[in-house]
C-alpha atoms as a PDB file:
ATOM      1  CA  MET A   1      -5.531  33.022 -22.583  1.00  0.00           C
ATOM      2  CA  SER A   2      -8.397  32.019 -20.281  1.00  0.00           C
ATOM      3  CA  ASP A   3      -8.090  32.668 -16.547  1.00  0.00           C
ATOM      4  CA  ARG A   4      -8.863  28.974 -16.016  1.00  0.00           C
ATOM      5  CA  ILE A   5      -5.432  28.111 -17.430  1.00  0.00           C
ATOM      6  CA  ARG A   6      -4.158  29.196 -14.000  1.00  0.00           C
ATOM      7  CA  PHE A   7      -5.959  26.210 -12.484  1.00  0.00           C
ATOM      8  CA  ILE A   8      -4.775  23.379 -14.715  1.00  0.00           C
ATOM      9  CA  VAL A   9      -4.134  20.476 -12.363  1.00  0.00           C
ATOM     10  CA  ASN A  10      -0.432  20.330 -11.518  1.00  0.00           C
ATOM     11  CA  GLU A  11       0.588  17.312  -9.432  1.00  0.00           C
ATOM     12  CA  VAL A  12       3.957  16.009 -10.568  1.00  0.00           C
ATOM     13  CA  ASP A  13       6.185  18.855  -9.332  1.00  0.00           C
ATOM     14  CA  ALA A  14       4.825  18.639  -5.796  1.00  0.00           C
ATOM     15  CA  VAL A  15       4.878  14.828  -5.800  1.00  0.00           C
ATOM     16  CA  ALA A  16       8.530  14.839  -6.832  1.00  0.00           C
ATOM     17  CA  SER A  17       9.391  17.350  -4.097  1.00  0.00           C
ATOM     18  CA  MET A  18       7.699  15.258  -1.394  1.00  0.00           C
ATOM     19  CA  LEU A  19       9.035  11.880  -2.480  1.00  0.00           C
ATOM     20  CA  GLY A  20      12.536  12.930  -3.491  1.00  0.00           C
ATOM     21  CA  ARG A  21      14.442  11.043  -6.152  1.00  0.00           C
ATOM     22  CA  ILE A  22      12.231   8.589  -8.054  1.00  0.00           C
ATOM     23  CA  PRO A  23      13.735   5.279  -9.223  1.00  0.00           C
ATOM     24  CA  SER A  24      14.224   5.057 -12.969  1.00  0.00           C
ATOM     25  CA  ARG A  25      12.484   1.668 -13.183  1.00  0.00           C
ATOM     26  CA  PHE A  26       8.957   0.747 -12.192  1.00  0.00           C
ATOM     27  CA  GLU A  27       6.821  -2.341 -12.192  1.00  0.00           C
ATOM     28  CA  LEU A  28       4.884  -2.048 -15.451  1.00  0.00           C
ATOM     29  CA  HIS A  29       1.332  -3.333 -15.888  1.00  0.00           C
ATOM     30  CA  ALA A  30       0.085  -5.065 -19.012  1.00  0.00           C
ATOM     31  CA  THR A  31      -2.599  -3.359 -21.084  1.00  0.00           C
ATOM     32  CA  SER A  32      -5.962  -5.121 -21.053  1.00  0.00           C
ATOM     33  CA  GLU A  33      -9.251  -5.012 -22.937  1.00  0.00           C
ATOM     34  CA  GLN A  34     -10.858  -3.445 -19.852  1.00  0.00           C
ATOM     35  CA  GLU A  35      -9.226  -0.083 -20.580  1.00  0.00           C
ATOM     36  CA  LEU A  36      -9.942   2.924 -22.743  1.00  0.00           C
ATOM     37  CA  PRO A  37      -7.099   3.873 -25.085  1.00  0.00           C
ATOM     38  CA  VAL A  38      -5.116   6.822 -23.702  1.00  0.00           C
ATOM     39  CA  ALA A  39      -2.757   9.107 -25.614  1.00  0.00           C
ATOM     40  CA  ALA A  40      -0.596  11.996 -24.405  1.00  0.00           C
ATOM     41  CA  ARG A  41       0.764  15.007 -26.278  1.00  0.00           C
ATOM     42  CA  ASN A  42       2.472  18.252 -25.354  1.00  0.00           C
ATOM     43  CA  ARG A  43       0.417  21.469 -25.346  1.00  0.00           C
ATOM     44  CA  PRO A  44       2.957  24.329 -25.447  1.00  0.00           C
ATOM     45  CA  ASP A  45       0.178  26.651 -26.640  1.00  0.00           C
ATOM     46  CA  LEU A  46      -1.320  26.424 -23.131  1.00  0.00           C
ATOM     47  CA  GLY A  47       1.944  27.041 -21.298  1.00  0.00           C
ATOM     48  CA  SER A  48       5.138  25.226 -20.404  1.00  0.00           C
ATOM     49  CA  SER A  49       5.060  21.607 -19.168  1.00  0.00           C
ATOM     50  CA  ILE A  50       1.376  21.035 -19.944  1.00  0.00           C
ATOM     51  CA  VAL A  51       0.286  17.669 -21.333  1.00  0.00           C
ATOM     52  CA  GLU A  52      -3.047  16.774 -22.903  1.00  0.00           C
ATOM     53  CA  TRP A  53      -4.388  13.320 -22.071  1.00  0.00           C
ATOM     54  CA  SER A  54      -7.020  12.026 -24.498  1.00  0.00           C
ATOM     55  CA  PHE A  55      -9.358   9.085 -23.852  1.00  0.00           C
ATOM     56  CA  THR A  56     -11.038   7.268 -26.747  1.00  0.00           C
ATOM     57  CA  ASN A  57     -14.265   5.296 -26.334  1.00  0.00           C
ATOM     58  CA  PRO A  58     -14.876   3.007 -29.331  1.00  0.00           C
ATOM     59  CA  SER A  59     -18.014   1.435 -27.819  1.00  0.00           C
ATOM     60  CA  SER A  60     -21.651   2.322 -28.462  1.00  0.00           C
ATOM     61  CA  VAL A  61     -22.315   3.416 -24.855  1.00  0.00           C
ATOM     62  CA  PRO A  62     -20.642   5.977 -22.568  1.00  0.00           C
ATOM     63  CA  GLN A  63     -17.687   4.652 -20.568  1.00  0.00           C
ATOM     64  CA  ALA A  64     -16.111   5.880 -17.330  1.00  0.00           C
ATOM     65  CA  CYS A  65     -12.446   5.436 -16.476  1.00  0.00           C
ATOM     66  CA  VAL A  66      -9.654   6.473 -14.136  1.00  0.00           C
ATOM     67  CA  LEU A  67      -6.175   7.443 -15.293  1.00  0.00           C
ATOM     68  CA  TYR A  68      -3.145   5.606 -13.891  1.00  0.00           C
ATOM     69  CA  ARG A  69       0.183   7.039 -15.041  1.00  0.00           C
ATOM     70  CA  GLY A  70       3.704   7.922 -13.982  1.00  0.00           C
ATOM     71  CA  VAL A  71       6.381  10.301 -15.204  1.00  0.00           C
ATOM     72  CA  GLN A  72       9.865   8.944 -15.792  1.00  0.00           C
ATOM     73  CA  GLY A  73      12.308  10.331 -13.223  1.00  0.00           C
ATOM     74  CA  LEU A  74       9.697  12.527 -11.540  1.00  0.00           C
ATOM     75  CA  ALA A  75       6.710  10.598 -10.186  1.00  0.00           C
ATOM     76  CA  PRO A  76       5.877   6.913  -9.750  1.00  0.00           C
ATOM     77  CA  PRO A  77       2.691   5.641 -11.402  1.00  0.00           C
ATOM     78  CA  TYR A  78      -0.471   6.458  -9.457  1.00  0.00           C
ATOM     79  CA  TYR A  79      -4.068   7.516 -10.072  1.00  0.00           C
ATOM     80  CA  PHE A  80      -4.510  11.031 -11.413  1.00  0.00           C
ATOM     81  CA  GLY A  81      -6.026  13.227  -8.711  1.00  0.00           C
ATOM     82  CA  ASN A  82      -5.069  11.015  -5.755  1.00  0.00           C
ATOM     83  CA  ALA A  83      -2.128  13.156  -4.632  1.00  0.00           C
ATOM     84  CA  PHE A  84      -3.905  16.430  -3.809  1.00  0.00           C
ATOM     85  CA  TYR A  85      -7.637  15.766  -3.923  1.00  0.00           C
ATOM     86  CA  ALA A  86      -8.208  17.745  -0.717  1.00  0.00           C
ATOM     87  CA  ALA A  87      -6.654  20.827  -2.324  1.00  0.00           C
ATOM     88  CA  TYR A  88      -8.720  20.402  -5.483  1.00  0.00           C
ATOM     89  CA  TYR A  89     -11.942  19.969  -3.500  1.00  0.00           C
ATOM     90  CA  GLY A  90     -11.086  22.962  -1.329  1.00  0.00           C
ATOM     91  CA  LYS A  91     -10.803  26.512  -2.621  1.00  0.00           C
ATOM     92  CA  ILE A  92      -7.675  27.379  -4.621  1.00  0.00           C
ATOM     93  CA  THR A  93      -6.766  31.062  -4.840  1.00  0.00           C
ATOM     94  CA  ALA A  94      -4.498  32.644  -7.456  1.00  0.00           C
ATOM     95  CA  ASP A  95      -4.355  36.288  -8.535  1.00  0.00           C
ATOM     96  CA  GLY A  96      -7.138  37.072  -6.085  1.00  0.00           C
ATOM     97  CA  GLN A  97      -9.569  34.612  -7.664  1.00  0.00           C
ATOM     98  CA  SER A  98     -10.805  31.510  -5.815  1.00  0.00           C
ATOM     99  CA  GLN A  99     -12.453  28.405  -7.204  1.00  0.00           C
ATOM    100  CA  GLN A 100     -12.765  24.686  -6.716  1.00  0.00           C
ATOM    101  CA  ALA A 101     -10.612  22.685  -9.092  1.00  0.00           C
ATOM    102  CA  ALA A 102     -12.745  19.579  -8.478  1.00  0.00           C
ATOM    103  CA  VAL A 103     -16.123  18.436  -7.150  1.00  0.00           C
ATOM    104  CA  TYR A 104     -17.424  14.927  -6.436  1.00  0.00           C
ATOM    105  CA  TYR A 105     -19.443  12.978  -8.994  1.00  0.00           C
ATOM    106  CA  ASP A 106     -22.775  12.033  -7.386  1.00  0.00           C
ATOM    107  CA  LYS A 107     -24.750  10.082 -10.007  1.00  0.00           C
ATOM    108  CA  LEU A 108     -24.938   6.379 -10.862  1.00  0.00           C
ATOM    109  CA  ASN A 109     -25.652   7.036 -14.520  1.00  0.00           C
ATOM    110  CA  LEU A 110     -22.877   8.174 -16.841  1.00  0.00           C
ATOM    111  CA  ILE A 111     -23.317  11.774 -17.941  1.00  0.00           C
ATOM    112  CA  ALA A 112     -20.787  12.451 -20.663  1.00  0.00           C
ATOM    113  CA  PRO A 113     -18.528  14.219 -21.182  1.00  0.00           C
ATOM    114  CA  ILE A 114     -16.935  14.528 -17.731  1.00  0.00           C
ATOM    115  CA  PRO A 115     -15.280  16.935 -17.391  1.00  0.00           C
ATOM    116  CA  PRO A 116     -17.432  19.023 -19.735  1.00  0.00           C
ATOM    117  CA  ASN A 117     -14.458  21.296 -20.417  1.00  0.00           C
ATOM    118  CA  PRO A 118     -10.754  20.345 -20.134  1.00  0.00           C
ATOM    119  CA  GLN A 119     -10.030  23.765 -18.628  1.00  0.00           C
ATOM    120  CA  GLY A 120     -12.918  23.594 -16.183  1.00  0.00           C
ATOM    121  CA  VAL A 121     -13.780  21.773 -12.975  1.00  0.00           C
ATOM    122  CA  TYR A 122     -12.788  18.088 -12.747  1.00  0.00           C
ATOM    123  CA  TYR A 123     -14.706  15.358 -10.894  1.00  0.00           C
ATOM    124  CA  LEU A 124     -13.621  13.021  -8.082  1.00  0.00           C
ATOM    125  CA  ALA A 125     -15.039   9.734  -6.760  1.00  0.00           C
ATOM    126  CA  GLU A 126     -14.020   6.785  -4.552  1.00  0.00           C
ATOM    127  CA  LEU A 127     -11.977   4.004  -6.191  1.00  0.00           C
ATOM    128  CA  ASN A 128     -12.188   0.474  -4.813  1.00  0.00           C
ATOM    129  CA  THR A 129      -8.799  -1.227  -5.184  1.00  0.00           C
ATOM    130  CA  GLY A 130      -9.698  -4.227  -3.036  1.00  0.00           C
ATOM    131  CA  ASN A 131      -9.925  -2.747   0.462  1.00  0.00           C
ATOM    132  CA  ARG A 132     -13.346  -1.211   1.069  1.00  0.00           C
ATOM    133  CA  ASN A 133     -12.016   0.482   4.217  1.00  0.00           C
ATOM    134  CA  ARG A 134      -9.272   2.320   2.328  1.00  0.00           C
ATOM    135  CA  LEU A 135     -10.793   3.727  -0.834  1.00  0.00           C
ATOM    136  CA  LEU A 136      -8.704   5.943  -3.082  1.00  0.00           C
ATOM    137  CA  ASN A 137      -9.954   9.369  -4.117  1.00  0.00           C
ATOM    138  CA  CYS A 138      -9.101  10.187  -7.738  1.00  0.00           C
ATOM    139  CA  PHE A 139     -10.522  11.777 -10.857  1.00  0.00           C
ATOM    140  CA  ILE A 140     -13.250  10.098 -12.876  1.00  0.00           C
ATOM    141  CA  PHE A 141     -13.477  10.670 -16.631  1.00  0.00           C
ATOM    142  CA  ILE A 142     -16.597   9.838 -18.670  1.00  0.00           C
ATOM    143  CA  VAL A 143     -16.318   9.548 -22.447  1.00  0.00           C
ATOM    144  CA  PRO A 144     -19.362   9.634 -24.775  1.00  0.00           C
ATOM    145  CA  ALA A 145     -20.031   6.688 -27.073  1.00  0.00           C
ATOM    146  CA  LYS A 146     -17.768   6.498 -30.122  1.00  0.00           C
ATOM    147  CA  SER A 147     -16.019   9.680 -29.103  1.00  0.00           C
ATOM    148  CA  LYS A 148     -13.062  11.041 -27.162  1.00  0.00           C
ATOM    149  CA  ILE A 149     -12.356  13.650 -24.504  1.00  0.00           C
ATOM    150  CA  ALA A 150      -9.236  15.573 -23.519  1.00  0.00           C
ATOM    151  CA  VAL A 151      -7.982  16.639 -20.090  1.00  0.00           C
ATOM    152  CA  TYR A 152      -4.933  18.680 -19.136  1.00  0.00           C
ATOM    153  CA  GLU A 153      -2.176  18.158 -16.604  1.00  0.00           C
ATOM    154  CA  GLY A 154       0.611  20.579 -15.745  1.00  0.00           C
ATOM    155  CA  GLY A 155       4.085  19.887 -14.420  1.00  0.00           C
ATOM    156  CA  ILE A 156       5.103  17.247 -16.976  1.00  0.00           C
ATOM    157  CA  PRO A 157       8.101  18.462 -19.018  1.00  0.00           C
ATOM    158  CA  ASP A 158       7.381  16.197 -21.991  1.00  0.00           C
ATOM    159  CA  ALA A 159       4.590  13.764 -22.851  1.00  0.00           C
ATOM    160  CA  SER A 160       7.202  11.220 -23.941  1.00  0.00           C
ATOM    161  CA  LEU A 161       8.160  10.800 -20.251  1.00  0.00           C
ATOM    162  CA  ALA A 162       4.785   9.256 -19.392  1.00  0.00           C
ATOM    163  CA  ILE A 163       5.051   5.613 -18.312  1.00  0.00           C
ATOM    164  CA  ASP A 164       2.688   2.789 -17.363  1.00  0.00           C
ATOM    165  CA  VAL A 165      -0.336   4.665 -18.733  1.00  0.00           C
ATOM    166  CA  HIS A 166      -3.760   3.030 -18.295  1.00  0.00           C
ATOM    167  CA  GLY A 167      -7.343   4.243 -18.580  1.00  0.00           C
ATOM    168  CA  TYR A 168      -9.025   1.596 -16.427  1.00  0.00           C
ATOM    169  CA  ILE A 169     -12.761   1.330 -17.165  1.00  0.00           C
ATOM    170  CA  VAL A 170     -14.886   1.584 -14.018  1.00  0.00           C
ATOM    171  CA  GLN A 171     -18.482   0.846 -13.079  1.00  0.00           C
ATOM    172  CA  LEU A 172     -20.349   3.037 -10.586  1.00  0.00           C
ATOM    173  CA  SER A 173     -22.292   1.858  -7.538  1.00  0.00           C
ATOM    174  CA  ASN A 174     -23.032   2.654  -3.881  1.00  0.00           C
ATOM    175  CA  LYS A 175     -24.078   6.285  -4.090  1.00  0.00           C
ATOM    176  CA  GLU A 176     -23.857   7.366  -0.451  1.00  0.00           C
ATOM    177  CA  ILE A 177     -21.939   9.449   2.076  1.00  0.00           C
ATOM    178  CA  TYR A 178     -18.183   8.831   2.268  1.00  0.00           C
ATOM    179  CA  CYS A 179     -15.681  10.094   4.828  1.00  0.00           C
ATOM    180  CA  ASN A 180     -12.340  11.186   3.380  1.00  0.00           C
ATOM    181  CA  TYR A 181      -9.017  11.668   5.146  1.00  0.00           C
ATOM    182  CA  TYR A 182      -5.996  13.419   3.689  1.00  0.00           C
ATOM    183  CA  ASN A 183      -2.348  14.163   4.424  1.00  0.00           C
ATOM    184  CA  GLU A 184      -2.140  17.810   5.464  1.00  0.00           C
ATOM    185  CA  GLN A 185       1.555  17.911   4.560  1.00  0.00           C
ATOM    186  CA  ALA A 186       0.561  17.110   0.992  1.00  0.00           C
ATOM    187  CA  VAL A 187      -1.650  20.198   0.853  1.00  0.00           C
ATOM    188  CA  LEU A 188       1.158  22.361   2.283  1.00  0.00           C
ATOM    189  CA  GLN A 189       3.574  21.011  -0.313  1.00  0.00           C
ATOM    190  CA  TYR A 190       1.054  21.728  -3.055  1.00  0.00           C
ATOM    191  CA  GLU A 191       0.850  25.342  -1.884  1.00  0.00           C
ATOM    192  CA  ARG A 192       4.637  25.722  -1.768  1.00  0.00           C
ATOM    193  CA  GLN A 193       5.161  24.166  -5.172  1.00  0.00           C
ATOM    194  CA  THR A 194       2.364  25.902  -7.083  1.00  0.00           C
ATOM    195  CA  GLY A 195       2.293  29.247  -5.288  1.00  0.00           C
ATOM    196  CA  TYR A 196      -1.486  28.887  -4.885  1.00  0.00           C
ATOM    197  CA  GLN A 197      -3.256  29.477  -1.594  1.00  0.00           C
ATOM    198  CA  VAL A 198      -5.506  26.578  -0.572  1.00  0.00           C
ATOM    199  CA  GLN A 199      -8.490  26.668   1.738  1.00  0.00           C
ATOM    200  CA  ALA A 200      -8.647  22.925   2.420  1.00  0.00           C
ATOM    201  CA  PRO A 201     -11.757  21.182   3.763  1.00  0.00           C
ATOM    202  CA  GLY A 202     -11.894  19.789   7.293  1.00  0.00           C
ATOM    203  CA  ASN A 203      -9.884  16.654   7.957  1.00  0.00           C
ATOM    204  CA  PRO A 204     -11.715  14.345   7.629  1.00  0.00           C
ATOM    205  CA  TYR A 205     -14.540  15.627   5.445  1.00  0.00           C
ATOM    206  CA  GLN A 206     -17.618  13.884   4.090  1.00  0.00           C
ATOM    207  CA  VAL A 207     -19.166  13.984   0.633  1.00  0.00           C
ATOM    208  CA  ASP A 208     -22.023  12.416  -1.289  1.00  0.00           C
ATOM    209  CA  THR A 209     -20.444  10.477  -4.146  1.00  0.00           C
ATOM    210  CA  VAL A 210     -20.136   7.047  -5.782  1.00  0.00           C
ATOM    211  CA  LEU A 211     -17.910   4.004  -5.646  1.00  0.00           C
ATOM    212  CA  MET A 212     -15.837   3.172  -8.728  1.00  0.00           C
ATOM    213  CA  THR A 213     -14.926  -0.478  -9.345  1.00  0.00           C
ATOM    214  CA  ALA A 214     -12.667  -1.368 -12.263  1.00  0.00           C
ATOM    215  CA  LEU A 215     -13.724  -4.050 -14.743  1.00  0.00           C
ATOM    216  CA  LEU A 216     -10.184  -5.388 -14.504  1.00  0.00           C
ATOM    217  CA  GLY A 217      -9.933  -7.301 -11.262  1.00  0.00           C
ATOM    218  CA  ASN A 218      -6.262  -6.689 -10.454  1.00  0.00           C
ATOM    219  CA  ILE A 219      -5.657  -2.984 -10.946  1.00  0.00           C
ATOM    220  CA  PRO A 220      -2.741  -1.369  -9.066  1.00  0.00           C
ATOM    221  CA  VAL A 221      -3.507  -0.619  -5.422  1.00  0.00           C
ATOM    222  CA  ASN A 222      -0.863   1.950  -4.509  1.00  0.00           C
ATOM    223  CA  GLU A 223      -1.761   5.323  -3.025  1.00  0.00           C
ATOM    224  CA  ILE A 224       0.730   8.117  -3.575  1.00  0.00           C
ATOM    225  CA  PHE A 225       0.843   9.519  -0.007  1.00  0.00           C
ATOM    226  CA  SER A 226       0.132   7.869   3.333  1.00  0.00           C
ATOM    227  CA  ASN A 227      -2.966   8.652   5.422  1.00  0.00           C
ATOM    228  CA  GLN A 228      -5.070   9.515   2.385  1.00  0.00           C
ATOM    229  CA  TYR A 229      -8.153   7.336   2.002  1.00  0.00           C
ATOM    230  CA  GLY A 230     -11.923   7.217   2.108  1.00  0.00           C
ATOM    231  CA  THR A 231     -14.449   5.023   3.909  1.00  0.00           C
ATOM    232  CA  ALA A 232     -18.178   4.495   3.402  1.00  0.00           C
ATOM    233  CA  GLY A 233     -20.383   6.261   5.923  1.00  0.00           C
ATOM    234  CA  ARG A 234     -20.397   9.547   7.779  1.00  0.00           C
ATOM    235  CA  CYS A 235     -17.315  10.841   9.573  1.00  0.00           C
ATOM    236  CA  LYS A 236     -17.363   9.982  13.269  1.00  0.00           C
END
């Protein structure tokens, strides 16, 4: 088994520990034509509680999307990557090896596939959910034309528990410097839950990346933890 299996993104366990008991019912969002089809399946060959998300692009051009999903009884629906982006962008150490689990996407054109490898480094960007002063950091996925890609997520006991799953198609704009803030308690909880050691970036930290705007005008706006957001411009 590859060493990179150690770094499969694992969010749900730590989210559940921070938020406590999750209500069994959520507000569900209707599926629209401005989404890429998303499927989930268990991957026991990679380890326990690992799910493979697959995105299908039936169009003749590359498409970018963000993943919004929840896990019944464990985590409310939110954008994949938004919970612990500071940990992923920082250095994660396990078994004496350190690496970044994520970097920021910094191009306006769509280079597919992103990520190039489901066991490799993932990509983050700024998501506009209606408030340009409180942008959400989350993963961006880019699917080649008439193709599909797969990404992995740990901490989900069974793919059948996934709820309110959407692959919202996004357009990219405003390549510039962004200042990102994060909840330091979230990083500490991630360390406790995963057993990894995290060398987090400064708080706030600035990056060169792009703005993602969904084709669907009324995507969900919730962020998973408080005090986690990005703004355009350098940190002051």
